[in-house]
Amino acid sequence: MVTSSPGLEDPWQLHYALAGGKEHNVADSYIADPAEKCEGQYLKLSAQPNGTFTVTSSRNGFSKAYPKSQ
């Protein structure tokens, strides 16, 4: 349901949902803690005054910038 929400570009997850299986989780690069045992990884959101923001995973350094919403 969440992934089909209008206007949602990329879902990010703090933890891999074991019960959901691969088909109900996002790509590994968008999950802060994909292991069954939590390692305390986090997602960092950096917002700019102009309305843009960046999400970064502490686990793998993957980040993605998002433009200001219209």
PDB file of N, CA and C in Angstrom:
ATOM      1  N   MET A   1       0.826  -1.190   0.000  1.00  0.00           N
ATOM      2  CA  MET A   1       0.000   0.000   0.000  1.00  0.00           C
ATOM      3  C   MET A   1       0.870   1.254   0.000  1.00  0.00           C
ATOM      4  N   VAL A   2       1.905   1.265   0.802  1.00  0.00           N
ATOM      5  CA  VAL A   2       2.757   2.450   0.876  1.00  0.00           C
ATOM      6  C   VAL A   2       3.447   2.715  -0.456  1.00  0.00           C
ATOM      7  N   THR A   3       3.964   1.673  -1.089  1.00  0.00           N
ATOM      8  CA  THR A   3       4.698   1.875  -2.335  1.00  0.00           C
ATOM      9  C   THR A   3       3.824   2.354  -3.478  1.00  0.00           C
ATOM     10  N   SER A   4       2.516   2.194  -3.372  1.00  0.00           N
ATOM     11  CA  SER A   4       1.623   2.669  -4.425  1.00  0.00           C
ATOM     12  C   SER A   4       1.002   4.028  -4.102  1.00  0.00           C
ATOM     13  N   SER A   5       1.452   4.669  -3.025  1.00  0.00           N
ATOM     14  CA  SER A   5       0.932   5.992  -2.661  1.00  0.00           C
ATOM     15  C   SER A   5       1.355   7.027  -3.698  1.00  0.00           C
ATOM     16  N   PRO A   6       0.430   7.853  -4.151  1.00  0.00           N
ATOM     17  CA  PRO A   6       0.769   8.857  -5.161  1.00  0.00           C
ATOM     18  C   PRO A   6       1.781   9.868  -4.621  1.00  0.00           C
ATOM     19  N   GLY A   7       2.758  10.204  -5.443  1.00  0.00           N
ATOM     20  CA  GLY A   7       3.741  11.210  -5.076  1.00  0.00           C
ATOM     21  C   GLY A   7       4.925  10.673  -4.290  1.00  0.00           C
ATOM     22  N   LEU A   8       4.904   9.417  -3.904  1.00  0.00           N
ATOM     23  CA  LEU A   8       6.004   8.832  -3.151  1.00  0.00           C
ATOM     24  C   LEU A   8       7.060   8.339  -4.132  1.00  0.00           C
ATOM     25  N   GLU A   9       8.213   8.989  -4.127  1.00  0.00           N
ATOM     26  CA  GLU A   9       9.257   8.645  -5.091  1.00  0.00           C
ATOM     27  C   GLU A   9      10.060   7.413  -4.661  1.00  0.00           C
ATOM     28  N   ASP A  10      10.594   7.408  -3.456  1.00  0.00           N
ATOM     29  CA  ASP A  10      11.431   6.304  -2.976  1.00  0.00           C
ATOM     30  C   ASP A  10      11.135   6.009  -1.512  1.00  0.00           C
ATOM     31  N   PRO A  11      10.600   4.852  -1.213  1.00  0.00           N
ATOM     32  CA  PRO A  11      10.459   4.478   0.195  1.00  0.00           C
ATOM     33  C   PRO A  11      11.839   4.082   0.749  1.00  0.00           C
ATOM     34  N   TRP A  12      12.117   4.459   1.966  1.00  0.00           N
ATOM     35  CA  TRP A  12      13.325   4.063   2.685  1.00  0.00           C
ATOM     36  C   TRP A  12      12.876   3.304   3.926  1.00  0.00           C
ATOM     37  N   GLN A  13      13.686   2.377   4.394  1.00  0.00           N
ATOM     38  CA  GLN A  13      13.342   1.593   5.584  1.00  0.00           C
ATOM     39  C   GLN A  13      14.489   1.621   6.581  1.00  0.00           C
ATOM     40  N   LEU A  14      14.133   1.667   7.869  1.00  0.00           N
ATOM     41  CA  LEU A  14      15.153   1.545   8.911  1.00  0.00           C
ATOM     42  C   LEU A  14      15.585   0.095   9.070  1.00  0.00           C
ATOM     43  N   HIS A  15      14.632  -0.830   8.993  1.00  0.00           N
ATOM     44  CA  HIS A  15      14.915  -2.252   9.183  1.00  0.00           C
ATOM     45  C   HIS A  15      14.257  -3.074   8.081  1.00  0.00           C
ATOM     46  N   TYR A  16      14.890  -4.188   7.746  1.00  0.00           N
ATOM     47  CA  TYR A  16      14.318  -5.147   6.816  1.00  0.00           C
ATOM     48  C   TYR A  16      13.165  -5.849   7.527  1.00  0.00           C
ATOM     49  N   ALA A  17      12.020  -5.944   6.898  1.00  0.00           N
ATOM     50  CA  ALA A  17      10.857  -6.601   7.487  1.00  0.00           C
ATOM     51  C   ALA A  17      10.927  -8.094   7.164  1.00  0.00           C
ATOM     52  N   LEU A  18      11.372  -8.894   8.132  1.00  0.00           N
ATOM     53  CA  LEU A  18      11.561 -10.333   7.917  1.00  0.00           C
ATOM     54  C   LEU A  18      10.285 -11.019   7.465  1.00  0.00           C
ATOM     55  N   ALA A  19       9.179 -10.718   8.099  1.00  0.00           N
ATOM     56  CA  ALA A  19       7.907 -11.370   7.769  1.00  0.00           C
ATOM     57  C   ALA A  19       7.423 -10.993   6.372  1.00  0.00           C
ATOM     58  N   GLY A  20       7.842  -9.848   5.870  1.00  0.00           N
ATOM     59  CA  GLY A  20       7.380  -9.377   4.567  1.00  0.00           C
ATOM     60  C   GLY A  20       8.055 -10.058   3.390  1.00  0.00           C
ATOM     61  N   GLY A  21       9.259 -10.563   3.609  1.00  0.00           N
ATOM     62  CA  GLY A  21       9.991 -11.181   2.513  1.00  0.00           C
ATOM     63  C   GLY A  21      10.489 -10.158   1.513  1.00  0.00           C
ATOM     64  N   LYS A  22      11.243 -10.610   0.548  1.00  0.00           N
ATOM     65  CA  LYS A  22      11.871  -9.730  -0.445  1.00  0.00           C
ATOM     66  C   LYS A  22      10.863  -8.864  -1.200  1.00  0.00           C
ATOM     67  N   GLU A  23       9.697  -9.431  -1.505  1.00  0.00           N
ATOM     68  CA  GLU A  23       8.714  -8.684  -2.306  1.00  0.00           C
ATOM     69  C   GLU A  23       8.037  -7.540  -1.554  1.00  0.00           C
ATOM     70  N   HIS A  24       8.163  -7.515  -0.228  1.00  0.00           N
ATOM     71  CA  HIS A  24       7.526  -6.447   0.557  1.00  0.00           C
ATOM     72  C   HIS A  24       8.539  -5.553   1.252  1.00  0.00           C
ATOM     73  N   ASN A  25       9.760  -5.556   0.762  1.00  0.00           N
ATOM     74  CA  ASN A  25      10.803  -4.669   1.254  1.00  0.00           C
ATOM     75  C   ASN A  25      11.367  -3.898   0.066  1.00  0.00           C
ATOM     76  N   VAL A  26      12.009  -2.783   0.369  1.00  0.00           N
ATOM     77  CA  VAL A  26      12.625  -1.983  -0.685  1.00  0.00           C
ATOM     78  C   VAL A  26      13.990  -2.567  -1.040  1.00  0.00           C
ATOM     79  N   ALA A  27      14.639  -2.024  -2.048  1.00  0.00           N
ATOM     80  CA  ALA A  27      15.977  -2.470  -2.436  1.00  0.00           C
ATOM     81  C   ALA A  27      16.938  -2.308  -1.254  1.00  0.00           C
ATOM     82  N   ASP A  28      17.896  -3.211  -1.155  1.00  0.00           N
ATOM     83  CA  ASP A  28      18.838  -3.244  -0.041  1.00  0.00           C
ATOM     84  C   ASP A  28      19.526  -1.899   0.218  1.00  0.00           C
ATOM     85  N   SER A  29      19.851  -1.163  -0.833  1.00  0.00           N
ATOM     86  CA  SER A  29      20.545   0.113  -0.662  1.00  0.00           C
ATOM     87  C   SER A  29      19.700   1.149   0.075  1.00  0.00           C
ATOM     88  N   TYR A  30      18.379   0.958   0.117  1.00  0.00           N
ATOM     89  CA  TYR A  30      17.474   1.891   0.797  1.00  0.00           C
ATOM     90  C   TYR A  30      17.105   1.440   2.218  1.00  0.00           C
ATOM     91  N   ILE A  31      17.760   0.399   2.720  1.00  0.00           N
ATOM     92  CA  ILE A  31      17.480  -0.121   4.067  1.00  0.00           C
ATOM     93  C   ILE A  31      18.685   0.132   4.957  1.00  0.00           C
ATOM     94  N   ALA A  32      18.490   0.823   6.074  1.00  0.00           N
ATOM     95  CA  ALA A  32      19.590   1.131   6.976  1.00  0.00           C
ATOM     96  C   ALA A  32      20.117  -0.116   7.678  1.00  0.00           C
ATOM     97  N   ASP A  33      19.245  -0.992   8.136  1.00  0.00           N
ATOM     98  CA  ASP A  33      19.631  -2.198   8.876  1.00  0.00           C
ATOM     99  C   ASP A  33      18.981  -3.431   8.244  1.00  0.00           C
ATOM    100  N   PRO A  34      19.598  -4.000   7.200  1.00  0.00           N
ATOM    101  CA  PRO A  34      18.968  -5.137   6.524  1.00  0.00           C
ATOM    102  C   PRO A  34      19.155  -6.475   7.237  1.00  0.00           C
ATOM    103  N   ALA A  35      20.068  -6.554   8.200  1.00  0.00           N
ATOM    104  CA  ALA A  35      20.332  -7.816   8.894  1.00  0.00           C
ATOM    105  C   ALA A  35      19.261  -8.101   9.939  1.00  0.00           C
ATOM    106  N   GLU A  36      19.097  -9.381  10.264  1.00  0.00           N
ATOM    107  CA  GLU A  36      18.114  -9.770  11.281  1.00  0.00           C
ATOM    108  C   GLU A  36      18.471  -9.177  12.639  1.00  0.00           C
ATOM    109  N   LYS A  37      19.746  -9.154  12.951  1.00  0.00           N
ATOM    110  CA  LYS A  37      20.208  -8.559  14.211  1.00  0.00           C
ATOM    111  C   LYS A  37      20.515  -7.079  13.963  1.00  0.00           C
ATOM    112  N   CYS A  38      19.823  -6.207  14.673  1.00  0.00           N
ATOM    113  CA  CYS A  38      19.982  -4.761  14.491  1.00  0.00           C
ATOM    114  C   CYS A  38      21.406  -4.327  14.841  1.00  0.00           C
ATOM    115  N   GLU A  39      22.015  -3.558  13.956  1.00  0.00           N
ATOM    116  CA  GLU A  39      23.367  -3.052  14.174  1.00  0.00           C
ATOM    117  C   GLU A  39      23.373  -1.561  14.505  1.00  0.00           C
ATOM    118  N   GLY A  40      22.204  -0.973  14.679  1.00  0.00           N
ATOM    119  CA  GLY A  40      22.124   0.432  15.064  1.00  0.00           C
ATOM    120  C   GLY A  40      22.374   1.417  13.934  1.00  0.00           C
ATOM    121  N   GLN A  41      22.241   0.988  12.696  1.00  0.00           N
ATOM    122  CA  GLN A  41      22.417   1.896  11.564  1.00  0.00           C
ATOM    123  C   GLN A  41      21.204   2.818  11.463  1.00  0.00           C
ATOM    124  N   TYR A  42      21.393   3.928  10.794  1.00  0.00           N
ATOM    125  CA  TYR A  42      20.319   4.923  10.733  1.00  0.00           C
ATOM    126  C   TYR A  42      20.250   5.581   9.362  1.00  0.00           C
ATOM    127  N   LEU A  43      19.182   6.328   9.155  1.00  0.00           N
ATOM    128  CA  LEU A  43      19.013   7.155   7.966  1.00  0.00           C
ATOM    129  C   LEU A  43      19.130   8.607   8.390  1.00  0.00           C
ATOM    130  N   LYS A  44      19.887   9.374   7.647  1.00  0.00           N
ATOM    131  CA  LYS A  44      20.081  10.798   7.947  1.00  0.00           C
ATOM    132  C   LYS A  44      19.369  11.623   6.877  1.00  0.00           C
ATOM    133  N   LEU A  45      18.574  12.564   7.313  1.00  0.00           N
ATOM    134  CA  LEU A  45      17.884  13.470   6.403  1.00  0.00           C
ATOM    135  C   LEU A  45      18.506  14.849   6.548  1.00  0.00           C
ATOM    136  N   SER A  46      18.989  15.391   5.454  1.00  0.00           N
ATOM    137  CA  SER A  46      19.573  16.735   5.442  1.00  0.00           C
ATOM    138  C   SER A  46      18.685  17.630   4.596  1.00  0.00           C
ATOM    139  N   ALA A  47      18.057  18.598   5.233  1.00  0.00           N
ATOM    140  CA  ALA A  47      17.148  19.515   4.530  1.00  0.00           C
ATOM    141  C   ALA A  47      17.825  20.855   4.282  1.00  0.00           C
ATOM    142  N   GLN A  48      17.521  21.448   3.135  1.00  0.00           N
ATOM    143  CA  GLN A  48      18.075  22.742   2.759  1.00  0.00           C
ATOM    144  C   GLN A  48      16.971  23.808   2.789  1.00  0.00           C
ATOM    145  N   PRO A  49      17.341  25.047   3.043  1.00  0.00           N
ATOM    146  CA  PRO A  49      16.343  26.128   3.078  1.00  0.00           C
ATOM    147  C   PRO A  49      15.542  26.275   1.782  1.00  0.00           C
ATOM    148  N   ASN A  50      16.108  25.838   0.657  1.00  0.00           N
ATOM    149  CA  ASN A  50      15.410  25.991  -0.622  1.00  0.00           C
ATOM    150  C   ASN A  50      14.372  24.889  -0.872  1.00  0.00           C
ATOM    151  N   GLY A  51      14.202  23.957   0.095  1.00  0.00           N
ATOM    152  CA  GLY A  51      13.192  22.911  -0.034  1.00  0.00           C
ATOM    153  C   GLY A  51      13.714  21.582  -0.533  1.00  0.00           C
ATOM    154  N   THR A  52      14.985  21.509  -0.912  1.00  0.00           N
ATOM    155  CA  THR A  52      15.563  20.235  -1.323  1.00  0.00           C
ATOM    156  C   THR A  52      16.042  19.483  -0.088  1.00  0.00           C
ATOM    157  N   PHE A  53      16.184  18.178  -0.228  1.00  0.00           N
ATOM    158  CA  PHE A  53      16.732  17.399   0.881  1.00  0.00           C
ATOM    159  C   PHE A  53      17.444  16.161   0.364  1.00  0.00           C
ATOM    160  N   THR A  54      18.294  15.592   1.215  1.00  0.00           N
ATOM    161  CA  THR A  54      19.059  14.397   0.877  1.00  0.00           C
ATOM    162  C   THR A  54      18.874  13.377   1.986  1.00  0.00           C
ATOM    163  N   VAL A  55      18.693  12.113   1.609  1.00  0.00           N
ATOM    164  CA  VAL A  55      18.615  11.015   2.565  1.00  0.00           C
ATOM    165  C   VAL A  55      19.887  10.183   2.384  1.00  0.00           C
ATOM    166  N   THR A  56      20.549   9.849   3.502  1.00  0.00           N
ATOM    167  CA  THR A  56      21.788   9.077   3.471  1.00  0.00           C
ATOM    168  C   THR A  56      21.706   7.921   4.449  1.00  0.00           C
ATOM    169  N   SER A  57      22.146   6.748   4.011  1.00  0.00           N
ATOM    170  CA  SER A  57      22.197   5.563   4.879  1.00  0.00           C
ATOM    171  C   SER A  57      23.557   5.516   5.565  1.00  0.00           C
ATOM    172  N   SER A  58      23.568   5.386   6.898  1.00  0.00           N
ATOM    173  CA  SER A  58      24.829   5.295   7.629  1.00  0.00           C
ATOM    174  C   SER A  58      25.531   3.964   7.375  1.00  0.00           C
ATOM    175  N   ARG A  59      24.785   2.957   6.970  1.00  0.00           N
ATOM    176  CA  ARG A  59      25.359   1.628   6.756  1.00  0.00           C
ATOM    177  C   ARG A  59      26.273   1.576   5.545  1.00  0.00           C
ATOM    178  N   ASN A  60      25.815   2.125   4.432  1.00  0.00           N
ATOM    179  CA  ASN A  60      26.561   1.971   3.183  1.00  0.00           C
ATOM    180  C   ASN A  60      26.943   3.290   2.521  1.00  0.00           C
ATOM    181  N   GLY A  61      26.570   4.411   3.119  1.00  0.00           N
ATOM    182  CA  GLY A  61      26.900   5.717   2.554  1.00  0.00           C
ATOM    183  C   GLY A  61      26.068   6.100   1.344  1.00  0.00           C
ATOM    184  N   PHE A  62      25.140   5.227   0.941  1.00  0.00           N
ATOM    185  CA  PHE A  62      24.276   5.535  -0.201  1.00  0.00           C
ATOM    186  C   PHE A  62      23.422   6.749   0.140  1.00  0.00           C
ATOM    187  N   SER A  63      23.352   7.697  -0.771  1.00  0.00           N
ATOM    188  CA  SER A  63      22.492   8.856  -0.543  1.00  0.00           C
ATOM    189  C   SER A  63      21.801   9.241  -1.841  1.00  0.00           C
ATOM    190  N   LYS A  64      20.696   9.918  -1.660  1.00  0.00           N
ATOM    191  CA  LYS A  64      19.937  10.394  -2.809  1.00  0.00           C
ATOM    192  C   LYS A  64      19.365  11.761  -2.477  1.00  0.00           C
ATOM    193  N   ALA A  65      19.531  12.682  -3.418  1.00  0.00           N
ATOM    194  CA  ALA A  65      19.016  14.043  -3.263  1.00  0.00           C
ATOM    195  C   ALA A  65      17.641  14.133  -3.922  1.00  0.00           C
ATOM    196  N   TYR A  66      16.770  14.888  -3.287  1.00  0.00           N
ATOM    197  CA  TYR A  66      15.408  15.089  -3.795  1.00  0.00           C
ATOM    198  C   TYR A  66      15.161  16.569  -3.995  1.00  0.00           C
ATOM    199  N   PRO A  67      14.603  16.939  -5.152  1.00  0.00           N
ATOM    200  CA  PRO A  67      14.334  18.351  -5.417  1.00  0.00           C
ATOM    201  C   PRO A  67      13.123  18.851  -4.627  1.00  0.00           C
ATOM    202  N   LYS A  68      12.984  20.132  -4.615  1.00  0.00           N
ATOM    203  CA  LYS A  68      11.837  20.754  -3.962  1.00  0.00           C
ATOM    204  C   LYS A  68      10.556  20.269  -4.627  1.00  0.00           C
ATOM    205  N   SER A  69       9.569  19.933  -3.816  1.00  0.00           N
ATOM    206  CA  SER A  69       8.282  19.477  -4.321  1.00  0.00           C
ATOM    207  C   SER A  69       7.531  20.640  -4.944  1.00  0.00           C
ATOM    208  N   GLN A  70       6.878  20.384  -6.066  1.00  0.00           N
ATOM    209  CA  GLN A  70       6.119  21.449  -6.760  1.00  0.00           C
ATOM    210  C   GLN A  70       4.714  21.506  -6.292  1.00  0.00           C
TER     211      GLN A  70
END
